[in-house]
Amino acid sequence: MKVIINKQEHELATGATLADAIAALEARPPFAAAVNTAFVPKTQYDLQPLHEGDRVEIISPVTGG
C-alpha cells in the first residue's frame, strides 16, 4: 500500500503499522510521530495501523535560538 511519509510516497506492506513506517524511514530518536495530523504516543507505534493514503509525519526536535 502507498502512504505518504514526511511528504514522500512510500510503499509499505498491507497491514503495516506506524512502527513499520518509522523503520522504513530509519528514523533515530528523539522524534514524535503523527498519522493524519493526530499525534501517536510512542507506546502505540506497534499498534497504530496504517491504511492506503495515510499521511505520516515523523518530526525531530530542533534546538537553537
N, C-alpha and C. Protein backbone atom coordinates (compact mmCIF):
# COMPACT_ATOMS: atom_id res chain seq x y z
N MET A 1 0.84 -1.17 0.00
CA MET A 1 0.00 0.00 0.00
C MET A 1 0.88 1.24 0.00
N LYS A 2 0.35 2.32 -0.50
CA LYS A 2 1.11 3.57 -0.57
C LYS A 2 0.67 4.50 0.56
N VAL A 3 1.67 5.01 1.28
CA VAL A 3 1.45 6.01 2.31
C VAL A 3 2.42 7.16 2.08
N ILE A 4 2.11 8.29 2.62
CA ILE A 4 2.98 9.46 2.50
C ILE A 4 3.72 9.62 3.83
N ILE A 5 5.04 9.57 3.79
CA ILE A 5 5.85 9.75 4.99
C ILE A 5 6.69 11.00 4.77
N ASN A 6 6.48 11.99 5.62
CA ASN A 6 7.19 13.26 5.50
C ASN A 6 7.15 13.80 4.07
N LYS A 7 5.96 13.79 3.50
CA LYS A 7 5.66 14.35 2.18
C LYS A 7 6.26 13.57 1.01
N GLN A 8 6.71 12.34 1.27
CA GLN A 8 7.21 11.49 0.18
C GLN A 8 6.45 10.17 0.19
N GLU A 9 6.09 9.72 -1.00
CA GLU A 9 5.34 8.47 -1.11
C GLU A 9 6.24 7.28 -0.85
N HIS A 10 5.73 6.34 -0.05
CA HIS A 10 6.45 5.10 0.26
C HIS A 10 5.50 3.93 0.08
N GLU A 11 6.04 2.81 -0.32
CA GLU A 11 5.27 1.58 -0.46
C GLU A 11 5.54 0.72 0.77
N LEU A 12 4.47 0.38 1.49
CA LEU A 12 4.58 -0.49 2.66
C LEU A 12 3.66 -1.69 2.46
N ALA A 13 3.95 -2.75 3.17
CA ALA A 13 3.14 -3.96 3.07
C ALA A 13 1.75 -3.70 3.64
N THR A 14 0.75 -4.36 3.09
CA THR A 14 -0.60 -4.29 3.63
C THR A 14 -0.55 -4.74 5.08
N GLY A 15 -1.23 -4.02 5.95
CA GLY A 15 -1.21 -4.34 7.37
C GLY A 15 -0.07 -3.70 8.13
N ALA A 16 0.69 -2.82 7.48
CA ALA A 16 1.82 -2.16 8.13
C ALA A 16 1.32 -1.26 9.26
N THR A 17 2.22 -1.04 10.22
CA THR A 17 1.92 -0.17 11.34
C THR A 17 2.80 1.07 11.28
N LEU A 18 2.55 1.98 12.20
CA LEU A 18 3.38 3.17 12.29
C LEU A 18 4.83 2.77 12.56
N ALA A 19 5.06 1.74 13.34
CA ALA A 19 6.42 1.27 13.61
C ALA A 19 7.12 0.86 12.31
N ASP A 20 6.38 0.26 11.38
CA ASP A 20 6.96 -0.12 10.09
C ASP A 20 7.34 1.11 9.27
N ALA A 21 6.52 2.15 9.33
CA ALA A 21 6.83 3.39 8.60
C ALA A 21 8.08 4.04 9.19
N ILE A 22 8.19 4.03 10.50
CA ILE A 22 9.36 4.61 11.16
C ILE A 22 10.62 3.83 10.76
N ALA A 23 10.51 2.51 10.72
CA ALA A 23 11.65 1.67 10.31
C ALA A 23 12.02 1.94 8.86
N ALA A 24 11.04 2.14 7.99
CA ALA A 24 11.31 2.41 6.58
C ALA A 24 12.07 3.71 6.41
N LEU A 25 11.81 4.66 7.27
CA LEU A 25 12.49 5.95 7.19
C LEU A 25 13.82 5.94 7.95
N GLU A 26 14.06 4.88 8.71
CA GLU A 26 15.27 4.75 9.53
C GLU A 26 15.42 5.94 10.47
N ALA A 27 14.30 6.35 11.07
CA ALA A 27 14.30 7.48 12.00
C ALA A 27 15.04 7.12 13.28
N ARG A 28 15.81 8.08 13.77
CA ARG A 28 16.56 7.88 15.01
C ARG A 28 15.99 8.82 16.08
N PRO A 29 15.79 8.30 17.29
CA PRO A 29 15.27 9.14 18.37
C PRO A 29 16.20 10.30 18.65
N PRO A 30 15.70 11.38 19.15
CA PRO A 30 14.31 11.60 19.55
C PRO A 30 13.47 12.10 18.37
N PHE A 31 12.22 11.72 18.37
CA PHE A 31 11.26 12.19 17.37
C PHE A 31 9.85 11.99 17.89
N ALA A 32 8.92 12.66 17.28
CA ALA A 32 7.49 12.47 17.53
C ALA A 32 6.87 12.01 16.23
N ALA A 33 5.76 11.30 16.32
CA ALA A 33 5.11 10.79 15.11
C ALA A 33 3.61 11.08 15.14
N ALA A 34 3.08 11.34 13.96
CA ALA A 34 1.65 11.59 13.81
C ALA A 34 1.14 10.88 12.56
N VAL A 35 -0.09 10.45 12.62
CA VAL A 35 -0.77 9.85 11.46
C VAL A 35 -1.98 10.71 11.17
N ASN A 36 -2.04 11.23 9.95
CA ASN A 36 -3.14 12.10 9.53
C ASN A 36 -3.35 13.23 10.54
N THR A 37 -2.27 13.86 10.94
CA THR A 37 -2.19 15.01 11.85
C THR A 37 -2.52 14.68 13.31
N ALA A 38 -2.73 13.41 13.66
CA ALA A 38 -3.02 13.03 15.04
C ALA A 38 -1.76 12.44 15.67
N PHE A 39 -1.27 13.07 16.75
CA PHE A 39 -0.10 12.58 17.46
C PHE A 39 -0.35 11.16 17.96
N VAL A 40 0.67 10.30 17.84
CA VAL A 40 0.58 8.91 18.32
C VAL A 40 1.65 8.73 19.39
N PRO A 41 1.26 8.32 20.61
CA PRO A 41 2.26 8.08 21.66
C PRO A 41 3.22 6.96 21.27
N LYS A 42 4.45 7.06 21.71
CA LYS A 42 5.48 6.08 21.38
C LYS A 42 5.03 4.66 21.72
N THR A 43 4.30 4.50 22.80
CA THR A 43 3.85 3.16 23.23
C THR A 43 2.84 2.55 22.26
N GLN A 44 2.32 3.35 21.33
CA GLN A 44 1.30 2.87 20.40
C GLN A 44 1.81 2.65 18.98
N TYR A 45 3.10 2.90 18.72
CA TYR A 45 3.62 2.78 17.36
C TYR A 45 3.36 1.40 16.76
N ASP A 46 3.56 0.33 17.54
CA ASP A 46 3.34 -1.03 17.03
C ASP A 46 1.87 -1.34 16.84
N LEU A 47 1.01 -0.60 17.50
CA LEU A 47 -0.43 -0.88 17.46
C LEU A 47 -1.19 0.00 16.48
N GLN A 48 -0.56 1.06 16.00
CA GLN A 48 -1.23 2.01 15.10
C GLN A 48 -1.21 1.50 13.67
N PRO A 49 -2.35 1.00 13.17
CA PRO A 49 -2.36 0.51 11.79
C PRO A 49 -2.32 1.66 10.80
N LEU A 50 -1.77 1.38 9.64
CA LEU A 50 -1.77 2.35 8.55
C LEU A 50 -2.66 1.83 7.43
N HIS A 51 -3.21 2.78 6.69
CA HIS A 51 -4.11 2.45 5.59
C HIS A 51 -3.65 3.18 4.34
N GLU A 52 -4.05 2.68 3.20
CA GLU A 52 -3.73 3.30 1.91
C GLU A 52 -4.00 4.80 1.98
N GLY A 53 -2.99 5.60 1.59
CA GLY A 53 -3.16 7.04 1.52
C GLY A 53 -2.92 7.79 2.82
N ASP A 54 -2.65 7.08 3.92
CA ASP A 54 -2.38 7.78 5.18
C ASP A 54 -1.18 8.69 5.04
N ARG A 55 -1.18 9.74 5.84
CA ARG A 55 -0.06 10.68 5.88
C ARG A 55 0.62 10.57 7.24
N VAL A 56 1.89 10.21 7.20
CA VAL A 56 2.68 10.04 8.42
C VAL A 56 3.70 11.17 8.47
N GLU A 57 3.81 11.78 9.64
CA GLU A 57 4.83 12.81 9.87
C GLU A 57 5.71 12.33 11.00
N ILE A 58 7.01 12.32 10.78
CA ILE A 58 7.99 11.98 11.80
C ILE A 58 8.84 13.23 11.98
N ILE A 59 8.74 13.81 13.17
CA ILE A 59 9.30 15.13 13.41
C ILE A 59 10.37 15.06 14.49
N SER A 60 11.56 15.55 14.18
CA SER A 60 12.65 15.62 15.15
C SER A 60 12.68 17.01 15.75
N PRO A 61 13.03 17.11 17.04
CA PRO A 61 13.10 18.44 17.65
C PRO A 61 14.26 19.25 17.08
N VAL A 62 14.10 20.53 17.09
CA VAL A 62 15.13 21.46 16.61
C VAL A 62 15.58 22.30 17.80
N THR A 63 16.88 22.37 17.99
CA THR A 63 17.39 23.19 19.08
C THR A 63 18.07 24.43 18.53
N GLY A 64 18.24 25.37 19.38
CA GLY A 64 18.92 26.60 18.96
C GLY A 64 18.12 27.81 19.34
N GLY A 65 18.61 28.94 19.00
CA GLY A 65 17.92 30.14 19.42
C GLY A 65 17.88 31.11 18.36
